Protein backbone atom coordinates (compact mmCIF):
# COMPACT_ATOMS: atom_id res chain seq x y z
CA UNK A 1 111.79 44.12 54.09
CA UNK A 2 113.09 45.24 57.45
CA UNK A 3 111.48 47.10 60.27
CA UNK A 4 112.93 50.38 59.00
CA UNK A 5 110.39 52.98 57.96
CA UNK A 6 110.87 54.30 54.48
CA UNK A 7 110.63 58.08 54.44
CA UNK A 8 109.01 59.90 51.54
CA UNK A 9 111.29 61.24 48.85
CA UNK A 10 110.50 64.90 49.81
CA UNK A 11 111.88 64.28 53.30
CA UNK A 12 114.95 62.35 52.15
CA UNK A 13 116.15 65.04 49.71
CA UNK A 14 117.07 68.35 51.32
CA UNK A 15 115.45 71.48 49.91
CA UNK A 16 117.46 74.16 48.16
CA UNK A 17 117.34 76.43 51.21
CA UNK A 18 118.66 73.68 53.51
CA UNK A 19 121.35 72.72 51.00
CA UNK A 20 122.57 76.32 50.73
CA UNK A 21 122.68 76.75 54.51
CA UNK A 22 124.67 73.55 54.90
CA UNK A 23 127.34 74.76 52.47
CA UNK A 24 128.17 78.12 54.17
CA UNK A 25 127.52 78.02 57.94
CA UNK A 26 129.47 81.28 58.58
CA UNK A 27 127.48 83.16 55.96
CA UNK A 28 124.29 81.68 57.43
CA UNK A 29 125.16 83.11 60.86
CA UNK A 30 125.81 86.55 59.32
CA UNK A 31 122.46 86.49 57.50
CA UNK A 32 120.61 85.55 60.69
CA UNK A 33 122.36 88.32 62.63
CA UNK A 34 121.39 90.87 59.97
CA UNK A 35 117.78 89.65 60.13
CA UNK A 36 117.77 90.08 63.91
CA UNK A 37 119.11 93.63 63.62
CA UNK A 38 116.47 94.45 61.01
CA UNK A 39 113.82 93.04 63.34
CA UNK A 40 114.53 95.75 65.94
CA UNK A 41 114.09 98.43 63.27
CA UNK A 42 110.80 96.86 62.17
CA UNK A 43 109.56 96.80 65.77
CA UNK A 44 110.47 100.46 66.24
CA UNK A 45 108.67 101.42 63.01
CA UNK A 46 105.59 99.43 64.08
CA UNK A 47 105.61 101.13 67.50
CA UNK A 48 105.80 104.57 65.85
CA UNK A 49 102.88 103.72 63.53
CA UNK A 50 100.87 102.52 66.51
CA UNK A 51 101.50 105.75 68.44
CA UNK A 52 100.47 107.85 65.42
CA UNK A 53 97.28 105.81 65.02
CA UNK A 54 96.41 106.10 68.72
CA UNK A 55 96.94 109.87 68.60
CA UNK A 56 94.60 110.11 65.60
CA UNK A 57 91.91 108.05 67.33
CA UNK A 58 92.22 110.11 70.53
CA UNK A 59 91.98 113.34 68.54
CA UNK A 60 88.84 112.16 66.73
CA UNK A 61 87.26 111.16 70.05
CA UNK A 62 88.20 114.40 71.82
CA UNK A 63 86.67 116.50 69.04
CA UNK A 64 83.27 114.95 69.75
CA UNK A 65 83.42 115.21 73.55
CA UNK A 66 81.52 118.15 75.02
CA UNK A 67 82.84 119.49 78.29
CA UNK A 68 80.08 120.13 80.81
CA UNK A 69 80.46 121.70 84.22
CA UNK A 70 77.77 122.42 86.76
CA UNK A 71 77.56 124.74 89.74
CA UNK A 72 76.03 124.34 93.17
CA UNK A 73 72.26 124.87 92.96
CA UNK A 74 71.91 123.82 89.31
CA UNK A 75 69.02 121.54 88.39
CA UNK A 76 70.02 118.37 86.56
CA UNK A 77 68.46 115.19 85.21
CA UNK A 78 70.23 111.89 85.90
CA UNK A 79 70.29 108.75 83.79
CA UNK A 80 68.11 106.02 85.25
CA UNK A 81 70.26 103.39 86.86
CA UNK A 82 69.83 99.94 85.26
CA UNK A 83 70.82 98.23 88.51
CA UNK A 84 67.88 99.69 90.45
CA UNK A 85 65.88 96.52 91.21
CA UNK A 86 63.11 98.15 93.27
CA UNK A 87 61.34 99.83 90.36
CA UNK A 88 59.41 97.92 87.71
CA UNK A 89 60.55 97.95 84.12
CA UNK A 90 58.09 99.39 81.59
CA UNK A 91 59.98 98.42 78.46
CA UNK A 92 61.14 100.75 75.74
CA UNK A 93 58.73 103.55 76.66
CA UNK A 94 60.24 104.05 80.10
CA UNK A 95 61.87 107.49 80.48
CA UNK A 96 65.66 107.45 80.33
CA UNK A 97 66.13 110.41 82.69
CA UNK A 98 64.91 111.00 86.23
CA UNK A 99 64.81 114.15 88.25
CA UNK A 100 65.19 117.08 88.46
CA UNK A 101 67.80 116.94 91.19
CA UNK A 102 69.75 119.78 92.79
CA UNK A 103 73.54 119.84 92.91
CA UNK A 104 74.49 120.44 96.54
CA UNK A 105 78.27 120.03 96.38
CA UNK A 106 80.88 120.07 93.62
CA UNK A 107 83.87 117.73 93.99
CA UNK A 108 87.04 117.67 91.93
CA UNK A 109 87.38 115.71 88.68
CA UNK A 110 83.73 116.19 87.68
CA UNK A 111 82.01 114.53 90.65
CA UNK A 112 78.88 116.00 92.23
CA UNK A 113 76.61 115.45 95.24
CA UNK A 114 72.89 115.40 94.38
CA UNK A 115 69.80 115.93 96.49
CA UNK A 116 66.09 116.17 95.75
CA UNK A 117 64.03 119.35 95.98
CA UNK A 118 63.47 118.86 99.75
CA UNK A 119 67.22 118.72 100.41
CA UNK A 120 67.45 114.97 101.08
CA UNK A 121 70.68 113.49 99.68
CA UNK A 122 69.94 111.10 96.82
CA UNK A 123 73.41 110.33 95.48
CA UNK A 124 76.46 111.15 97.62
CA UNK A 125 78.90 111.19 94.70
CA UNK A 126 78.03 110.96 91.00
CA UNK A 127 80.17 111.50 87.92
CA UNK A 128 79.01 114.45 85.82
CA UNK A 129 78.80 112.36 82.66
CA UNK A 130 75.66 110.69 84.01
CA UNK A 131 73.46 113.79 84.02
CA UNK A 132 72.48 116.78 81.96
CA UNK A 133 71.22 120.26 82.76
CA UNK A 134 67.50 120.67 83.46
CA UNK A 135 65.78 123.79 82.14
CA UNK A 136 62.59 124.65 84.04
């Protein structure tokens, strides 16, 4: 016995696919080119399906969104900020809203300036999604 490694029989005998590709190299190149051309069509179809799905998800989300706008002088409640370290946490029974606050200025894109009842500025610029209207 020599130092040559004996390969398993499955490796020594070529498979049917390899044997067919070795017989017709020109036909093999044509088949691969056709597969590449079909790949572009599959990618385009997948992109179209993705765009349809994203439009459906956006439509479902937009149906549930309620547009809210506030005017200067409106009373609103704001969501308590979780990053406020100065106040003590009271667990699950802590109120989720604080206020009422007065809207002193309306910015574009749904941003507002809030002050307390004495007129002292509390938040210089807050997104409108973080508060709701207060009814006295």
